[in-house]
PDB file of N, CA and C in Angstrom:
ATOM      1  N   GLY A   1     -33.792  22.488 -34.336  1.00  0.00           N
ATOM      2  CA  GLY A   1     -33.040  23.476 -33.638  1.00  0.00           C
ATOM      3  C   GLY A   1     -31.642  22.992 -33.323  1.00  0.00           C
ATOM      4  N   GLU A   2     -31.092  23.553 -32.298  1.00  0.00           N
ATOM      5  CA  GLU A   2     -29.713  23.263 -31.927  1.00  0.00           C
ATOM      6  C   GLU A   2     -29.592  22.255 -30.804  1.00  0.00           C
ATOM      7  N   ARG A   3     -30.689  21.913 -30.129  1.00  0.00           N
ATOM      8  CA  ARG A   3     -30.621  21.013 -28.983  1.00  0.00           C
ATOM      9  C   ARG A   3     -31.056  19.590 -29.349  1.00  0.00           C
ATOM     10  N   ARG A   4     -30.487  18.653 -28.620  1.00  0.00           N
ATOM     11  CA  ARG A   4     -30.912  17.260 -28.769  1.00  0.00           C
ATOM     12  C   ARG A   4     -32.282  17.085 -28.132  1.00  0.00           C
ATOM     13  N   VAL A   5     -32.986  16.034 -28.540  1.00  0.00           N
ATOM     14  CA  VAL A   5     -34.297  15.739 -27.963  1.00  0.00           C
ATOM     15  C   VAL A   5     -34.339  14.293 -27.471  1.00  0.00           C
ATOM     16  N   VAL A   6     -35.253  14.040 -26.556  1.00  0.00           N
ATOM     17  CA  VAL A   6     -35.494  12.708 -26.028  1.00  0.00           C
ATOM     18  C   VAL A   6     -36.972  12.400 -26.256  1.00  0.00           C
ATOM     19  N   THR A   7     -37.280  11.191 -26.713  1.00  0.00           N
ATOM     20  CA  THR A   7     -38.670  10.806 -26.926  1.00  0.00           C
ATOM     21  C   THR A   7     -39.350  10.547 -25.589  1.00  0.00           C
ATOM     22  N   VAL A   8     -40.444  11.255 -25.339  1.00  0.00           N
ATOM     23  CA  VAL A   8     -41.226  11.089 -24.123  1.00  0.00           C
ATOM     24  C   VAL A   8     -42.350  10.087 -24.365  1.00  0.00           C
ATOM     25  N   ASN A   9     -42.974  10.184 -25.543  1.00  0.00           N
ATOM     26  CA  ASN A   9     -44.078   9.301 -25.894  1.00  0.00           C
ATOM     27  C   ASN A   9     -44.060   9.095 -27.406  1.00  0.00           C
ATOM     28  N   ALA A  10     -44.397   7.877 -27.834  1.00  0.00           N
ATOM     29  CA  ALA A  10     -44.440   7.587 -29.266  1.00  0.00           C
ATOM     30  C   ALA A  10     -45.588   6.627 -29.551  1.00  0.00           C
ATOM     31  N   GLN A  11     -46.320   6.930 -30.598  1.00  0.00           N
ATOM     32  CA  GLN A  11     -47.375   6.032 -31.060  1.00  0.00           C
ATOM     33  C   GLN A  11     -47.230   5.908 -32.560  1.00  0.00           C
ATOM     34  N   MET A  12     -47.092   4.680 -33.060  1.00  0.00           N
ATOM     35  CA  MET A  12     -46.917   4.451 -34.491  1.00  0.00           C
ATOM     36  C   MET A  12     -47.980   3.466 -34.943  1.00  0.00           C
ATOM     37  N   ASN A  13     -48.723   3.831 -35.963  1.00  0.00           N
ATOM     38  CA  ASN A  13     -49.749   2.951 -36.530  1.00  0.00           C
ATOM     39  C   ASN A  13     -49.288   2.496 -37.910  1.00  0.00           C
ATOM     40  N   TYR A  14     -49.175   1.178 -38.078  1.00  0.00           N
ATOM     41  CA  TYR A  14     -48.752   0.594 -39.353  1.00  0.00           C
ATOM     42  C   TYR A  14     -50.006   0.212 -40.125  1.00  0.00           C
ATOM     43  N   MET A  15     -50.168   0.793 -41.316  1.00  0.00           N
ATOM     44  CA  MET A  15     -51.406   0.639 -42.067  1.00  0.00           C
ATOM     45  C   MET A  15     -51.358  -0.464 -43.117  1.00  0.00           C
ATOM     46  N   ARG A  16     -50.191  -0.653 -43.701  1.00  0.00           N
ATOM     47  CA  ARG A  16     -50.046  -1.687 -44.731  1.00  0.00           C
ATOM     48  C   ARG A  16     -48.573  -1.985 -44.922  1.00  0.00           C
ATOM     49  N   ILE A  17     -48.297  -3.062 -45.626  1.00  0.00           N
ATOM     50  CA  ILE A  17     -46.920  -3.434 -45.929  1.00  0.00           C
ATOM     51  C   ILE A  17     -46.424  -2.538 -47.053  1.00  0.00           C
ATOM     52  N   GLY A  18     -45.234  -1.983 -46.885  1.00  0.00           N
ATOM     53  CA  GLY A  18     -44.655  -1.131 -47.916  1.00  0.00           C
ATOM     54  C   GLY A  18     -43.981  -1.957 -48.995  1.00  0.00           C
ATOM     55  N   VAL A  19     -43.822  -1.385 -50.167  1.00  0.00           N
ATOM     56  CA  VAL A  19     -43.119  -2.048 -51.265  1.00  0.00           C
ATOM     57  C   VAL A  19     -41.658  -2.205 -50.862  1.00  0.00           C
ATOM     58  N   ALA A  20     -41.138  -3.421 -50.945  1.00  0.00           N
ATOM     59  CA  ALA A  20     -39.789  -3.721 -50.464  1.00  0.00           C
ATOM     60  C   ALA A  20     -38.695  -3.103 -51.338  1.00  0.00           C
ATOM     61  N   GLU A  21     -38.978  -2.845 -52.591  1.00  0.00           N
ATOM     62  CA  GLU A  21     -37.972  -2.268 -53.488  1.00  0.00           C
ATOM     63  C   GLU A  21     -37.982  -0.752 -53.374  1.00  0.00           C
ATOM     64  N   GLY A  22     -36.808  -0.144 -53.483  1.00  0.00           N
ATOM     65  CA  GLY A  22     -36.723   1.309 -53.418  1.00  0.00           C
ATOM     66  C   GLY A  22     -36.588   1.790 -51.997  1.00  0.00           C
ATOM     67  N   LYS A  23     -36.785   3.089 -51.829  1.00  0.00           N
ATOM     68  CA  LYS A  23     -36.592   3.683 -50.504  1.00  0.00           C
ATOM     69  C   LYS A  23     -37.913   4.031 -49.848  1.00  0.00           C
ATOM     70  N   MET A  24     -37.876   4.060 -48.533  1.00  0.00           N
ATOM     71  CA  MET A  24     -39.000   4.519 -47.744  1.00  0.00           C
ATOM     72  C   MET A  24     -38.715   5.977 -47.400  1.00  0.00           C
ATOM     73  N   THR A  25     -39.747   6.789 -47.306  1.00  0.00           N
ATOM     74  CA  THR A  25     -39.586   8.202 -46.994  1.00  0.00           C
ATOM     75  C   THR A  25     -40.448   8.555 -45.787  1.00  0.00           C
ATOM     76  N   ALA A  26     -39.842   9.219 -44.809  1.00  0.00           N
ATOM     77  CA  ALA A  26     -40.586   9.697 -43.643  1.00  0.00           C
ATOM     78  C   ALA A  26     -40.661  11.213 -43.716  1.00  0.00           C
ATOM     79  N   ARG A  27     -41.867  11.744 -43.495  1.00  0.00           N
ATOM     80  CA  ARG A  27     -42.068  13.189 -43.495  1.00  0.00           C
ATOM     81  C   ARG A  27     -42.637  13.601 -42.148  1.00  0.00           C
ATOM     82  N   GLY A  28     -41.960  14.511 -41.489  1.00  0.00           N
ATOM     83  CA  GLY A  28     -42.394  14.960 -40.175  1.00  0.00           C
ATOM     84  C   GLY A  28     -42.868  16.397 -40.199  1.00  0.00           C
ATOM     85  N   LYS A  29     -43.813  16.691 -39.325  1.00  0.00           N
ATOM     86  CA  LYS A  29     -44.335  18.049 -39.206  1.00  0.00           C
ATOM     87  C   LYS A  29     -44.469  18.378 -37.719  1.00  0.00           C
ATOM     88  N   THR A  30     -43.872  19.481 -37.315  1.00  0.00           N
ATOM     89  CA  THR A  30     -44.011  19.935 -35.942  1.00  0.00           C
ATOM     90  C   THR A  30     -45.401  20.539 -35.774  1.00  0.00           C
ATOM     91  N   VAL A  31     -46.194  19.969 -34.874  1.00  0.00           N
ATOM     92  CA  VAL A  31     -47.541  20.449 -34.609  1.00  0.00           C
ATOM     93  C   VAL A  31     -47.482  21.625 -33.642  1.00  0.00           C
ATOM     94  N   LYS A  32     -46.648  21.481 -32.595  1.00  0.00           N
ATOM     95  CA  LYS A  32     -46.462  22.555 -31.625  1.00  0.00           C
ATOM     96  C   LYS A  32     -45.094  22.377 -30.986  1.00  0.00           C
ATOM     97  N   ALA A  33     -44.372  23.467 -30.865  1.00  0.00           N
ATOM     98  CA  ALA A  33     -43.074  23.453 -30.196  1.00  0.00           C
ATOM     99  C   ALA A  33     -43.121  24.467 -29.066  1.00  0.00           C
ATOM    100  N   GLY A  34     -43.002  23.972 -27.841  1.00  0.00           N
ATOM    101  CA  GLY A  34     -43.001  24.851 -26.681  1.00  0.00           C
ATOM    102  C   GLY A  34     -41.595  25.025 -26.142  1.00  0.00           C
ATOM    103  N   LYS A  35     -41.491  25.472 -24.887  1.00  0.00           N
ATOM    104  CA  LYS A  35     -40.181  25.693 -24.269  1.00  0.00           C
ATOM    105  C   LYS A  35     -39.474  24.392 -23.925  1.00  0.00           C
ATOM    106  N   SER A  36     -40.237  23.360 -23.531  1.00  0.00           N
ATOM    107  CA  SER A  36     -39.598  22.115 -23.105  1.00  0.00           C
ATOM    108  C   SER A  36     -40.065  20.888 -23.883  1.00  0.00           C
ATOM    109  N   LEU A  37     -41.205  20.995 -24.581  1.00  0.00           N
ATOM    110  CA  LEU A  37     -41.733  19.852 -25.335  1.00  0.00           C
ATOM    111  C   LEU A  37     -42.068  20.250 -26.765  1.00  0.00           C
ATOM    112  N   ALA A  38     -41.982  19.254 -27.663  1.00  0.00           N
ATOM    113  CA  ALA A  38     -42.422  19.428 -29.047  1.00  0.00           C
ATOM    114  C   ALA A  38     -43.329  18.255 -29.399  1.00  0.00           C
ATOM    115  N   PHE A  39     -44.365  18.532 -30.183  1.00  0.00           N
ATOM    116  CA  PHE A  39     -45.308  17.517 -30.620  1.00  0.00           C
ATOM    117  C   PHE A  39     -45.178  17.406 -32.135  1.00  0.00           C
ATOM    118  N   VAL A  40     -44.909  16.186 -32.610  1.00  0.00           N
ATOM    119  CA  VAL A  40     -44.574  15.973 -34.016  1.00  0.00           C
ATOM    120  C   VAL A  40     -45.436  14.856 -34.604  1.00  0.00           C
ATOM    121  N   ASP A  41     -45.953  15.083 -35.809  1.00  0.00           N
ATOM    122  CA  ASP A  41     -46.653  14.046 -36.579  1.00  0.00           C
ATOM    123  C   ASP A  41     -45.714  13.569 -37.673  1.00  0.00           C
ATOM    124  N   VAL A  42     -45.713  12.251 -37.917  1.00  0.00           N
ATOM    125  CA  VAL A  42     -44.835  11.667 -38.933  1.00  0.00           C
ATOM    126  C   VAL A  42     -45.655  10.742 -39.820  1.00  0.00           C
ATOM    127  N   GLU A  43     -45.398  10.803 -41.124  1.00  0.00           N
ATOM    128  CA  GLU A  43     -45.988   9.869 -42.079  1.00  0.00           C
ATOM    129  C   GLU A  43     -44.861   9.176 -42.829  1.00  0.00           C
ATOM    130  N   VAL A  44     -45.036   7.868 -43.080  1.00  0.00           N
ATOM    131  CA  VAL A  44     -44.030   7.076 -43.785  1.00  0.00           C
ATOM    132  C   VAL A  44     -44.648   6.550 -45.069  1.00  0.00           C
ATOM    133  N   PHE A  45     -43.936   6.747 -46.177  1.00  0.00           N
ATOM    134  CA  PHE A  45     -44.400   6.339 -47.495  1.00  0.00           C
ATOM    135  C   PHE A  45     -43.419   5.348 -48.099  1.00  0.00           C
ATOM    136  N   ASP A  46     -43.929   4.389 -48.900  1.00  0.00           N
ATOM    137  CA  ASP A  46     -43.035   3.473 -49.605  1.00  0.00           C
ATOM    138  C   ASP A  46     -42.589   4.115 -50.921  1.00  0.00           C
ATOM    139  N   SER A  47     -41.845   3.358 -51.718  1.00  0.00           N
ATOM    140  CA  SER A  47     -41.278   3.908 -52.963  1.00  0.00           C
ATOM    141  C   SER A  47     -42.351   4.277 -53.989  1.00  0.00           C
ATOM    142  N   LYS A  48     -43.568   3.783 -53.819  1.00  0.00           N
ATOM    143  CA  LYS A  48     -44.667   4.136 -54.727  1.00  0.00           C
ATOM    144  C   LYS A  48     -45.529   5.258 -54.150  1.00  0.00           C
ATOM    145  N   GLU A  49     -45.018   5.927 -53.077  1.00  0.00           N
ATOM    146  CA  GLU A  49     -45.713   7.029 -52.403  1.00  0.00           C
ATOM    147  C   GLU A  49     -47.020   6.593 -51.741  1.00  0.00           C
ATOM    148  N   THR A  50     -47.112   5.318 -51.381  1.00  0.00           N
ATOM    149  CA  THR A  50     -48.259   4.812 -50.640  1.00  0.00           C
ATOM    150  C   THR A  50     -48.000   5.026 -49.155  1.00  0.00           C
ATOM    151  N   LEU A  51     -48.961   5.595 -48.454  1.00  0.00           N
ATOM    152  CA  LEU A  51     -48.832   5.795 -47.017  1.00  0.00           C
ATOM    153  C   LEU A  51     -48.857   4.436 -46.326  1.00  0.00           C
ATOM    154  N   VAL A  52     -47.791   4.103 -45.595  1.00  0.00           N
ATOM    155  CA  VAL A  52     -47.711   2.804 -44.929  1.00  0.00           C
ATOM    156  C   VAL A  52     -47.764   2.909 -43.406  1.00  0.00           C
ATOM    157  N   ALA A  53     -47.443   4.072 -42.850  1.00  0.00           N
ATOM    158  CA  ALA A  53     -47.476   4.238 -41.394  1.00  0.00           C
ATOM    159  C   ALA A  53     -47.643   5.710 -41.039  1.00  0.00           C
ATOM    160  N   ARG A  54     -48.217   5.914 -39.857  1.00  0.00           N
ATOM    161  CA  ARG A  54     -48.408   7.276 -39.355  1.00  0.00           C
ATOM    162  C   ARG A  54     -48.150   7.254 -37.854  1.00  0.00           C
ATOM    163  N   GLY A  55     -47.447   8.269 -37.372  1.00  0.00           N
ATOM    164  CA  GLY A  55     -47.136   8.288 -35.950  1.00  0.00           C
ATOM    165  C   GLY A  55     -47.242   9.670 -35.341  1.00  0.00           C
ATOM    166  N   GLN A  56     -47.345   9.676 -34.011  1.00  0.00           N
ATOM    167  CA  GLN A  56     -47.350  10.914 -33.237  1.00  0.00           C
ATOM    168  C   GLN A  56     -46.293  10.767 -32.146  1.00  0.00           C
ATOM    169  N   PHE A  57     -45.482  11.787 -31.989  1.00  0.00           N
ATOM    170  CA  PHE A  57     -44.379  11.748 -31.041  1.00  0.00           C
ATOM    171  C   PHE A  57     -44.375  12.993 -30.171  1.00  0.00           C
ATOM    172  N   THR A  58     -44.043  12.812 -28.902  1.00  0.00           N
ATOM    173  CA  THR A  58     -43.813  13.914 -27.984  1.00  0.00           C
ATOM    174  C   THR A  58     -42.338  13.871 -27.626  1.00  0.00           C
ATOM    175  N   LEU A  59     -41.646  14.976 -27.835  1.00  0.00           N
ATOM    176  CA  LEU A  59     -40.209  15.054 -27.611  1.00  0.00           C
ATOM    177  C   LEU A  59     -39.901  16.103 -26.555  1.00  0.00           C
ATOM    178  N   ALA A  60     -38.956  15.786 -25.679  1.00  0.00           N
ATOM    179  CA  ALA A  60     -38.501  16.740 -24.665  1.00  0.00           C
ATOM    180  C   ALA A  60     -37.130  17.247 -25.092  1.00  0.00           C
ATOM    181  N   TYR A  61     -36.953  18.558 -24.990  1.00  0.00           N
ATOM    182  CA  TYR A  61     -35.664  19.156 -25.337  1.00  0.00           C
ATOM    183  C   TYR A  61     -34.644  18.862 -24.247  1.00  0.00           C
ATOM    184  N   SER A  62     -33.431  18.535 -24.666  1.00  0.00           N
ATOM    185  CA  SER A  62     -32.309  18.364 -23.755  1.00  0.00           C
ATOM    186  C   SER A  62     -31.550  19.682 -23.687  1.00  0.00           C
ATOM    187  N   GLU A  63     -30.806  19.878 -22.633  1.00  0.00           N
ATOM    188  CA  GLU A  63     -29.949  21.064 -22.546  1.00  0.00           C
ATOM    189  C   GLU A  63     -28.676  20.875 -23.366  1.00  0.00           C
ATOM    190  N   GLU A  64     -28.431  19.630 -23.804  1.00  0.00           N
ATOM    191  CA  GLU A  64     -27.228  19.312 -24.567  1.00  0.00           C
ATOM    192  C   GLU A  64     -27.358  19.851 -25.986  1.00  0.00           C
ATOM    193  N   LYS A  65     -26.350  20.581 -26.426  1.00  0.00           N
ATOM    194  CA  LYS A  65     -26.339  21.134 -27.788  1.00  0.00           C
ATOM    195  C   LYS A  65     -25.814  20.088 -28.783  1.00  0.00           C
ATOM    196  N   ILE A  66     -26.262  20.170 -30.010  1.00  0.00           N
ATOM    197  CA  ILE A  66     -25.762  19.310 -31.080  1.00  0.00           C
ATOM    198  C   ILE A  66     -24.460  19.923 -31.583  1.00  0.00           C
ATOM    199  N   PRO A  67     -23.357  19.155 -31.585  1.00  0.00           N
ATOM    200  CA  PRO A  67     -22.068  19.698 -32.037  1.00  0.00           C
ATOM    201  C   PRO A  67     -22.160  20.257 -33.464  1.00  0.00           C
ATOM    202  N   GLY A  68     -21.605  21.424 -33.673  1.00  0.00           N
ATOM    203  CA  GLY A  68     -21.582  22.041 -34.997  1.00  0.00           C
ATOM    204  C   GLY A  68     -22.868  22.727 -35.395  1.00  0.00           C
ATOM    205  N   MET A  69     -23.852  22.794 -34.498  1.00  0.00           N
ATOM    206  CA  MET A  69     -25.134  23.423 -34.842  1.00  0.00           C
ATOM    207  C   MET A  69     -25.329  24.758 -34.148  1.00  0.00           C
ATOM    208  N   GLY A  70     -24.328  25.307 -33.584  1.00  0.00           N
ATOM    209  CA  GLY A  70     -24.542  26.595 -32.956  1.00  0.00           C
ATOM    210  C   GLY A  70     -23.465  26.880 -31.996  1.00  0.00           C
TER     211      GLY A  70
END
């Protein structure tokens, strides 16, 4: 959206060492977005598309707008 967020809670589970060559990719999915909080799941993959980490985050919306986003 247009507002900044602050991390309220974060849990990250590291499952294995990622391949050092190439890029790592993080994919996030909003599980639920309310008026003041958002709950997000994130998965991190190495360059061979192997899942290396998974996390859950709770974010609180700030009243501060992101410049240029609205």
